[in-house]
């Protein structure tokens, strides 16, 4: 039923192991078979499968579990409404969605012999899941198995456990479509000695990726390999945008962008710009959770004093326009309310100016890490729920500066350009005078 690589993953005795596999590689079947084998081999064994959402967990593995059990004639009691399967020996399999608002609390205090977290390469953060799951395994000296295709970003818990700083604590397994037994059949043309997976991969590559086998999407999704893909980022930062420290520009000015959080962090971004330059520099960013309005007002006043500016553009989040009025009247801070309409359009302007090299940023700032993790969906829109406080603060102030100064920017002329323009103007005057003299000669 399983390929050698899938079986090796299931039989691996390591308590912490992961499987990185591309699409159509049989990852779901391997996970389902693993859970059933564990449940039947060990009486009274609780097993947990965690998906990105409850619906995702159900769609991914429920039908596969039931199909395997029915085909093998294994006695079981399935409860679809509860997403539970119970066996006569007292073992059970439970499916769970990590998106529940109280997911951490609902899992706390429970015990499991095996926990499988699926598609964990696509979790925005596993900070709320892992600290709860690890203690759940203690009673049984249980196993945590993570399975996923590579995520878009070269970061996150799955990435670190696979190839990053935590890889020595995990046992890694890798396979792709060619290792899926379903595709290990003769080719359509019996004279060829390749399996059907190669034909399907060729077809997918041609139709979806223009035949480019190096396309990041093909390498990531179908070959199951980590690959850098700046095209998936809302803010396509490159080394070309990074500077060690701010540099001098003609008649510099400063603007402050603010993102005020309700239950999330508040953030500040400072941009250095000039009416005589198309480039801007992001010179400072800051963010912190649960800051009181009095303290935040003091922070803004400090930025205003240090950068000698009263240009502040703020988004109040869920707090509304009343916060802007309070900052103006109570704290004498001249805040302008940020315009939030057409956010994705202005993100594209920001991204294009990044790619053009117009936006520079001090490399050590926290916003750099945010930009590297904010990805877009298939429609090019920012996926909700990602940490973006400093990034939004930068966007708000840049949007104002762009509309006010940069959109219609005309580069200043050099001395050489001015001289050439004067010579051309003088030549035009001389030509006009010559033409007038010729007309006079013809007339007389």
Protein backbone atom coordinates (compact mmCIF):
# COMPACT_ATOMS: atom_id res chain seq x y z
CA UNK A 1 0.00 0.00 0.00
CA UNK A 2 2.83 2.42 0.83
CA UNK A 3 5.98 3.14 -1.13
CA UNK A 4 9.35 2.42 0.51
CA UNK A 5 9.83 6.11 1.38
CA UNK A 6 6.35 6.44 2.85
CA UNK A 7 6.80 3.22 4.84
CA UNK A 8 10.16 4.47 6.14
CA UNK A 9 8.44 7.56 7.51
CA UNK A 10 5.71 5.52 9.22
CA UNK A 11 8.15 3.01 10.74
CA UNK A 12 10.71 5.61 11.85
CA UNK A 13 10.97 5.26 15.67
CA UNK A 14 11.97 8.92 16.14
CA UNK A 15 9.62 10.80 18.43
CA UNK A 16 9.90 13.95 16.33
CA UNK A 17 9.81 13.44 12.59
CA UNK A 18 8.58 15.23 9.51
CA UNK A 19 7.70 14.46 5.93
CA UNK A 20 8.24 17.06 3.21
CA UNK A 21 6.37 16.03 0.09
CA UNK A 22 5.03 17.73 -3.01
CA UNK A 23 1.46 17.64 -4.26
CA UNK A 24 0.04 14.29 -5.43
CA UNK A 25 2.83 12.50 -3.60
CA UNK A 26 0.58 10.33 -1.42
CA UNK A 27 1.23 12.28 1.77
CA UNK A 28 -2.42 12.00 2.86
CA UNK A 29 -2.56 8.25 2.31
CA UNK A 30 0.65 7.80 4.28
CA UNK A 31 -0.73 9.84 7.18
CA UNK A 32 -4.03 7.94 7.18
CA UNK A 33 -2.31 4.55 7.07
CA UNK A 34 0.03 5.64 9.87
CA UNK A 35 -2.86 6.58 12.16
CA UNK A 36 -4.78 3.37 11.48
CA UNK A 37 -1.70 1.20 12.04
CA UNK A 38 -0.92 2.96 15.31
CA UNK A 39 -4.51 2.62 16.51
CA UNK A 40 -4.73 -1.10 15.74
CA UNK A 41 -1.27 -1.98 17.06
CA UNK A 42 -1.72 -0.30 20.44
CA UNK A 43 -4.99 -0.72 22.39
CA UNK A 44 -6.51 2.37 24.03
CA UNK A 45 -4.35 4.67 21.94
CA UNK A 46 -5.56 8.26 21.34
CA UNK A 47 -4.44 9.79 18.04
CA UNK A 48 -4.85 13.39 16.89
CA UNK A 49 -4.72 14.81 13.37
CA UNK A 50 -4.45 18.63 13.14
CA UNK A 51 -5.28 20.49 9.93
CA UNK A 52 -5.11 24.18 9.09
CA UNK A 53 -8.88 24.37 9.65
CA UNK A 54 -11.56 21.88 10.70
CA UNK A 55 -12.89 21.78 7.14
CA UNK A 56 -9.39 21.35 5.75
CA UNK A 57 -8.76 18.44 8.11
CA UNK A 58 -12.02 16.79 7.08
CA UNK A 59 -11.47 17.32 3.35
CA UNK A 60 -7.86 16.18 3.50
CA UNK A 61 -8.03 12.88 5.35
CA UNK A 62 -11.53 11.83 6.50
CA UNK A 63 -12.60 10.18 3.25
CA UNK A 64 -9.20 8.50 2.92
CA UNK A 65 -9.45 7.04 6.42
CA UNK A 66 -12.93 5.65 5.81
CA UNK A 67 -11.97 4.23 2.40
CA UNK A 68 -8.96 2.36 3.80
CA UNK A 69 -10.95 0.98 6.73
CA UNK A 70 -13.81 -0.17 4.51
CA UNK A 71 -11.57 -1.73 1.87
CA UNK A 72 -9.62 -3.69 4.48
CA UNK A 73 -12.76 -4.63 6.39
CA UNK A 74 -11.51 -3.11 9.64
CA UNK A 75 -14.22 -2.77 12.27
CA UNK A 76 -14.73 0.80 13.42
CA UNK A 77 -17.31 3.36 14.49
CA UNK A 78 -17.19 6.62 12.52
CA UNK A 79 -18.79 9.82 13.81
CA UNK A 80 -18.55 12.38 10.97
CA UNK A 81 -20.14 15.21 12.96
CA UNK A 82 -17.45 14.90 15.64
CA UNK A 83 -14.70 13.85 13.18
CA UNK A 84 -13.86 10.84 15.35
CA UNK A 85 -13.22 7.20 14.53
CA UNK A 86 -13.30 4.68 17.40
CA UNK A 87 -12.00 1.10 17.30
CA UNK A 88 -13.08 -1.95 19.32
CA UNK A 89 -9.72 -2.04 21.15
CA UNK A 90 -10.39 1.38 22.69
CA UNK A 91 -8.15 3.40 20.34
CA UNK A 92 -9.56 6.42 18.52
CA UNK A 93 -8.58 8.96 15.85
CA UNK A 94 -9.69 12.56 16.20
CA UNK A 95 -9.50 15.30 13.54
CA UNK A 96 -9.04 18.89 14.69
CA UNK A 97 -8.77 22.37 13.11
CA UNK A 98 -6.01 24.66 14.35
CA UNK A 99 -7.94 27.78 13.33
CA UNK A 100 -10.44 27.61 16.20
CA UNK A 101 -10.24 30.76 18.34
CA UNK A 102 -9.89 28.63 21.47
CA UNK A 103 -7.80 25.87 19.85
CA UNK A 104 -5.03 26.13 22.41
CA UNK A 105 -7.43 25.89 25.35
CA UNK A 106 -9.39 23.01 23.84
CA UNK A 107 -6.24 20.93 23.45
CA UNK A 108 -4.69 21.77 26.79
CA UNK A 109 -4.59 18.88 29.28
CA UNK A 110 -5.29 16.10 26.77
CA UNK A 111 -3.05 13.08 26.11
CA UNK A 112 -2.12 11.50 22.76
CA UNK A 113 0.19 8.73 21.56
CA UNK A 114 0.52 10.20 18.08
CA UNK A 115 -0.11 13.72 16.79
CA UNK A 116 0.11 14.52 13.08
CA UNK A 117 0.12 18.19 12.05
CA UNK A 118 -0.60 18.49 8.34
CA UNK A 119 0.36 21.30 5.95
CA UNK A 120 2.31 22.99 8.72
CA UNK A 121 4.51 24.70 6.14
CA UNK A 122 1.55 27.02 5.56
CA UNK A 123 0.79 28.01 9.16
CA UNK A 124 1.36 31.71 9.77
CA UNK A 125 2.67 30.72 13.17
CA UNK A 126 2.79 27.55 15.23
CA UNK A 127 3.60 29.39 18.44
CA UNK A 128 0.15 28.62 19.85
CA UNK A 129 0.15 24.95 18.81
CA UNK A 130 3.58 23.50 19.55
CA UNK A 131 3.79 24.55 23.26
CA UNK A 132 0.48 22.74 23.81
CA UNK A 133 1.16 19.67 21.69
CA UNK A 134 4.55 18.73 23.12
CA UNK A 135 3.27 18.26 26.73
CA UNK A 136 0.32 16.23 25.37
CA UNK A 137 2.79 13.52 24.28
CA UNK A 138 4.51 13.12 27.65
CA UNK A 139 2.25 10.44 29.19
CA UNK A 140 2.69 8.04 26.28
CA UNK A 141 6.20 9.16 25.27
CA UNK A 142 4.33 9.85 22.07
CA UNK A 143 5.30 10.95 18.60
CA UNK A 144 4.83 14.27 16.84
CA UNK A 145 4.83 13.96 13.05
CA UNK A 146 4.65 17.00 10.78
CA UNK A 147 3.72 16.64 7.12
CA UNK A 148 3.60 19.37 4.50
CA UNK A 149 4.59 20.65 1.12
CA UNK A 150 7.21 23.40 1.38
CA UNK A 151 5.74 26.79 2.18
CA UNK A 152 6.27 29.94 0.15
CA UNK A 153 8.57 31.46 2.75
CA UNK A 154 11.97 30.16 3.77
CA UNK A 155 11.00 30.54 7.41
CA UNK A 156 8.60 29.20 10.01
CA UNK A 157 8.61 26.23 12.37
CA UNK A 158 8.38 23.54 9.68
CA UNK A 159 11.22 25.12 7.71
CA UNK A 160 13.44 25.40 10.79
CA UNK A 161 12.79 21.75 11.74
CA UNK A 162 13.42 20.56 8.20
CA UNK A 163 16.51 22.46 7.08
CA UNK A 164 17.00 25.25 9.62
CA UNK A 165 18.32 25.72 13.12
CA UNK A 166 16.23 22.90 14.67
CA UNK A 167 16.88 20.23 12.07
CA UNK A 168 19.16 18.18 14.37
CA UNK A 169 16.21 17.54 16.71
CA UNK A 170 14.03 16.07 13.96
CA UNK A 171 14.10 13.10 11.62
CA UNK A 172 13.47 14.25 8.05
CA UNK A 173 11.77 12.32 5.21
CA UNK A 174 11.33 13.60 1.65
CA UNK A 175 9.46 12.25 -1.36
CA UNK A 176 7.50 13.45 -4.39
CA UNK A 177 4.97 12.24 -6.96
CA UNK A 178 7.42 9.73 -8.42
CA UNK A 179 7.36 7.89 -5.07
CA UNK A 180 3.55 7.63 -5.05
CA UNK A 181 2.61 4.02 -5.83
CA UNK A 182 -0.51 5.23 -7.61
CA UNK A 183 1.71 6.76 -10.31
CA UNK A 184 4.19 3.87 -10.45
CA UNK A 185 2.55 2.29 -13.47
CA UNK A 186 3.77 1.76 -17.05
CA UNK A 187 3.82 4.84 -19.25
CA UNK A 188 1.05 5.42 -21.77
CA UNK A 189 3.48 4.30 -24.45
CA UNK A 190 4.68 0.81 -23.39
CA UNK A 191 7.92 1.25 -25.34
CA UNK A 192 8.98 3.98 -22.92
CA UNK A 193 10.71 3.12 -19.68
CA UNK A 194 9.46 5.91 -17.47
CA UNK A 195 6.70 5.75 -14.91
CA UNK A 196 3.46 7.65 -15.30
CA UNK A 197 4.50 10.24 -12.72
CA UNK A 198 7.11 11.66 -15.09
CA UNK A 199 4.50 12.05 -17.81
CA UNK A 200 2.12 13.78 -15.42
CA UNK A 201 4.86 16.08 -14.11
CA UNK A 202 5.75 17.04 -17.68
CA UNK A 203 2.09 17.80 -18.43
CA UNK A 204 1.65 19.86 -15.26
CA UNK A 205 4.84 21.78 -15.94
CA UNK A 206 3.85 22.60 -19.55
CA UNK A 207 0.27 23.60 -18.79
CA UNK A 208 0.76 25.44 -15.50
CA UNK A 209 4.34 26.74 -15.65
CA UNK A 210 5.06 27.17 -19.36
CA UNK A 211 7.43 24.21 -19.42
CA UNK A 212 9.81 25.90 -16.97
CA UNK A 213 10.95 23.18 -14.54
CA UNK A 214 12.84 25.84 -12.56
CA UNK A 215 9.70 27.84 -11.86
CA UNK A 216 9.48 28.32 -8.06
CA UNK A 217 5.87 27.13 -8.00
CA UNK A 218 6.71 23.87 -9.79
CA UNK A 219 9.82 23.21 -7.72
CA UNK A 220 7.99 23.90 -4.46
CA UNK A 221 4.59 22.33 -5.07
CA UNK A 222 5.42 19.31 -7.21
CA UNK A 223 9.07 18.51 -6.52
CA UNK A 224 8.68 19.26 -2.82
CA UNK A 225 11.80 21.43 -2.55
CA UNK A 226 12.35 24.67 -0.69
CA UNK A 227 12.91 27.55 -3.09
CA UNK A 228 13.01 31.33 -2.75
CA UNK A 229 10.04 32.94 -4.50
CA UNK A 230 9.92 36.73 -4.27
CA UNK A 231 6.97 36.76 -6.68
CA UNK A 232 4.77 35.42 -3.86
CA UNK A 233 5.61 38.33 -1.55
CA UNK A 234 3.51 41.48 -1.20
CA UNK A 235 6.76 43.42 -0.63
CA UNK A 236 9.48 41.95 -2.90
CA UNK A 237 12.48 43.10 -0.88
CA UNK A 238 15.96 42.48 -2.30
CA UNK A 239 19.48 43.38 -1.19
CA UNK A 240 19.22 46.34 -3.59
CA UNK A 241 16.78 47.97 -1.13
CA UNK A 242 18.89 47.52 2.00
CA UNK A 243 21.31 50.07 3.43
CA UNK A 244 23.46 49.92 6.57
CA UNK A 245 22.56 53.42 7.70
CA UNK A 246 20.74 56.50 6.38
CA UNK A 247 22.65 58.66 3.91
CA UNK A 248 22.53 62.38 3.15
CA UNK A 249 20.05 63.86 0.68
CA UNK A 250 19.28 67.46 -0.34
CA UNK A 251 16.95 69.24 2.10
CA UNK A 252 15.74 66.13 3.93
CA UNK A 253 12.32 65.93 5.54
CA UNK A 254 10.76 63.23 7.71
CA UNK A 255 7.34 61.65 7.94
CA UNK A 256 5.98 59.27 10.56
CA UNK A 257 3.58 56.42 9.82
CA UNK A 258 1.54 54.92 12.64
CA UNK A 259 -0.48 51.74 13.00
CA UNK A 260 -2.45 51.73 16.26
CA UNK A 261 -3.45 48.25 17.39
CA UNK A 262 -6.40 47.29 19.54
CA UNK A 263 -5.53 43.80 20.73
CA UNK A 264 -2.46 43.58 18.49
CA UNK A 265 0.76 45.59 18.39
CA UNK A 266 1.05 49.28 17.64
CA UNK A 267 3.79 50.38 15.28
CA UNK A 268 5.72 53.42 14.08
CA UNK A 269 7.75 53.94 10.89
CA UNK A 270 9.93 56.95 10.03
CA UNK A 271 10.63 57.81 6.38
CA UNK A 272 13.27 60.25 5.21
CA UNK A 273 12.45 61.99 1.92
CA UNK A 274 13.09 65.13 -0.13
CA UNK A 275 11.26 67.08 -2.79
CA UNK A 276 14.53 66.91 -4.73
CA UNK A 277 14.84 63.13 -4.79
CA UNK A 278 12.74 60.21 -5.99
CA UNK A 279 14.28 57.88 -3.40
CA UNK A 280 13.08 57.56 0.17
CA UNK A 281 14.76 55.94 3.16
CA UNK A 282 13.00 54.04 5.93
CA UNK A 283 15.27 54.98 8.81
CA UNK A 284 13.46 53.59 11.86
CA UNK A 285 10.59 51.25 12.73
CA UNK A 286 9.20 50.15 16.09
CA UNK A 287 6.33 47.98 17.32
CA UNK A 288 5.07 46.78 20.68
CA UNK A 289 1.93 45.04 21.95
CA UNK A 290 -0.59 46.44 24.44
CA UNK A 291 0.71 50.00 24.65
CA UNK A 292 -1.52 52.41 26.56
CA UNK A 293 -2.61 55.53 24.69
CA UNK A 294 -0.81 57.81 27.18
CA UNK A 295 2.45 55.95 26.66
CA UNK A 296 1.96 55.86 22.91
CA UNK A 297 1.44 59.60 22.80
CA UNK A 298 4.77 60.08 24.61
CA UNK A 299 6.45 57.77 22.08
CA UNK A 300 5.07 59.80 19.16
CA UNK A 301 6.19 63.08 20.74
CA UNK A 302 9.69 61.65 21.12
CA UNK A 303 9.78 60.73 17.41
CA UNK A 304 8.47 64.18 16.47
CA UNK A 305 11.22 65.87 18.47
CA UNK A 306 14.05 63.64 17.28
CA UNK A 307 13.14 63.99 13.62
CA UNK A 308 11.83 67.57 13.80
CA UNK A 309 8.56 66.78 12.02
CA UNK A 310 4.85 67.20 12.54
CA UNK A 311 3.88 64.98 9.57
CA UNK A 312 2.18 61.99 11.15
CA UNK A 313 -0.20 59.69 9.27
CA UNK A 314 -1.99 57.15 11.46
CA UNK A 315 -4.38 54.25 11.10
CA UNK A 316 -6.44 53.79 14.23
CA UNK A 317 -7.38 50.18 13.58
CA UNK A 318 -10.63 49.27 15.30
CA UNK A 319 -10.44 52.27 17.63
CA UNK A 320 -11.99 54.67 15.12
CA UNK A 321 -11.63 58.38 14.39
CA UNK A 322 -12.05 59.26 18.07
CA UNK A 323 -8.43 58.26 18.70
CA UNK A 324 -7.22 60.72 16.07
CA UNK A 325 -9.26 63.46 17.71
CA UNK A 326 -7.89 62.52 21.14
CA UNK A 327 -4.29 62.62 19.92
CA UNK A 328 -4.93 66.04 18.40
CA UNK A 329 -6.83 67.69 21.24
CA UNK A 330 -5.58 65.97 24.39
CA UNK A 331 -1.95 65.44 23.39
CA UNK A 332 -1.50 68.21 20.74
CA UNK A 333 -0.20 65.70 18.19
CA UNK A 334 -1.19 66.80 14.63
CA UNK A 335 -2.20 63.37 13.36
CA UNK A 336 -3.62 62.89 9.88
CA UNK A 337 -5.98 59.93 9.47
CA UNK A 338 -4.58 57.34 7.06
CA UNK A 339 -6.53 56.57 3.92
CA UNK A 340 -7.09 52.80 3.80
CA UNK A 341 -9.09 52.39 0.58
CA UNK A 342 -7.47 50.49 -2.30
CA UNK A 343 -4.78 49.08 -0.03
CA UNK A 344 -3.71 46.40 -2.52
CA UNK A 345 -3.33 49.02 -5.28
CA UNK A 346 -0.98 51.10 -3.14
CA UNK A 347 0.87 47.96 -2.04
CA UNK A 348 1.58 47.36 -5.73
CA UNK A 349 2.90 50.92 -6.09
CA UNK A 350 5.11 50.30 -3.06
CA UNK A 351 6.28 46.96 -4.52
CA UNK A 352 7.06 48.52 -7.92
CA UNK A 353 9.07 51.27 -6.24
CA UNK A 354 10.91 48.60 -4.25
CA UNK A 355 11.79 46.77 -7.46
CA UNK A 356 12.87 50.06 -9.06
CA UNK A 357 15.19 50.74 -6.13
CA UNK A 358 13.39 53.90 -5.03
CA UNK A 359 12.74 52.54 -1.53
CA UNK A 360 15.73 52.04 0.75
CA UNK A 361 15.56 50.61 4.25
CA UNK A 362 18.06 50.22 7.07
CA UNK A 363 18.74 46.48 7.08
CA UNK A 364 18.52 45.90 10.84
CA UNK A 365 14.92 47.16 11.18
CA UNK A 366 12.10 44.84 12.21
CA UNK A 367 10.03 45.72 9.16
CA UNK A 368 12.55 43.83 7.00
CA UNK A 369 11.53 40.57 8.69
CA UNK A 370 7.85 41.42 8.27
CA UNK A 371 8.24 42.11 4.55
CA UNK A 372 9.96 38.75 4.09
CA UNK A 373 6.91 36.92 5.50
CA UNK A 374 3.88 38.77 4.09
CA UNK A 375 2.52 36.70 1.21
CA UNK A 376 -0.39 37.11 -1.19
CA UNK A 377 -3.15 34.76 -2.25
CA UNK A 378 -3.92 33.57 -5.77
CA UNK A 379 -5.67 36.91 -6.47
CA UNK A 380 -2.64 38.95 -5.42
CA UNK A 381 -4.29 40.15 -2.19
CA UNK A 382 -2.51 40.13 1.16
CA UNK A 383 -3.50 37.06 3.17
CA UNK A 384 -5.17 38.18 6.39
CA UNK A 385 -3.74 37.34 9.78
CA UNK A 386 -0.07 37.91 8.97
CA UNK A 387 2.10 40.10 11.17
CA UNK A 388 2.17 43.42 9.30
CA UNK A 389 2.16 46.23 11.87
CA UNK A 390 5.44 47.91 10.89
CA UNK A 391 4.81 47.17 7.21
CA UNK A 392 1.43 48.93 7.39
CA UNK A 393 2.96 51.90 9.21
CA UNK A 394 5.47 52.23 6.36
CA UNK A 395 2.71 51.91 3.77
CA UNK A 396 0.53 54.64 5.34
CA UNK A 397 3.25 57.29 5.42
CA UNK A 398 4.69 56.28 2.05
CA UNK A 399 1.24 56.53 0.48
CA UNK A 400 0.91 60.10 1.72
CA UNK A 401 4.43 61.12 0.65
CA UNK A 402 4.02 59.45 -2.74
CA UNK A 403 0.74 61.22 -3.48
CA UNK A 404 2.04 64.58 -2.24
CA UNK A 405 5.59 64.67 -3.61
CA UNK A 406 6.72 61.64 -5.59
CA UNK A 407 3.94 60.79 -8.05
CA UNK A 408 4.67 63.78 -10.31
CA UNK A 409 8.36 64.01 -9.45
CA UNK A 410 10.57 65.60 -12.14
CA UNK A 411 14.32 65.10 -11.62
CA UNK A 412 16.34 68.27 -11.16
CA UNK A 413 18.50 69.22 -14.15
CA UNK A 414 22.27 68.97 -13.94
CA UNK A 415 24.52 71.86 -15.01
CA UNK A 416 25.26 69.97 -18.23
CA UNK A 417 21.55 69.52 -18.95
CA UNK A 418 20.93 73.24 -18.36
CA UNK A 419 23.79 74.20 -20.74
CA UNK A 420 22.51 71.88 -23.47
CA UNK A 421 18.99 73.27 -23.08
CA UNK A 422 20.31 76.86 -23.34
CA UNK A 423 22.33 76.05 -26.47
CA UNK A 424 19.32 74.36 -28.05
CA UNK A 425 17.16 77.38 -27.22
CA UNK A 426 19.77 79.77 -28.70
CA UNK A 427 19.99 77.64 -31.83
CA UNK A 428 16.20 77.72 -32.20
CA UNK A 429 16.19 81.54 -31.89
CA UNK A 430 18.94 81.87 -34.52
CA UNK A 431 17.04 79.53 -36.86
CA UNK A 432 13.84 81.51 -36.46
CA UNK A 433 15.74 84.74 -37.17
CA UNK A 434 17.31 83.16 -40.26
CA UNK A 435 13.90 82.05 -41.54
CA UNK A 436 12.49 85.55 -41.03
CA UNK A 437 15.42 87.10 -42.95
CA UNK A 438 14.86 84.69 -45.85
CA UNK A 439 11.17 85.59 -46.00
CA UNK A 440 12.06 89.30 -46.06
CA UNK A 441 14.49 88.76 -48.97
CA UNK A 442 11.82 86.89 -50.98
CA UNK A 443 9.21 89.57 -50.27
CA UNK A 444 11.39 92.42 -51.53
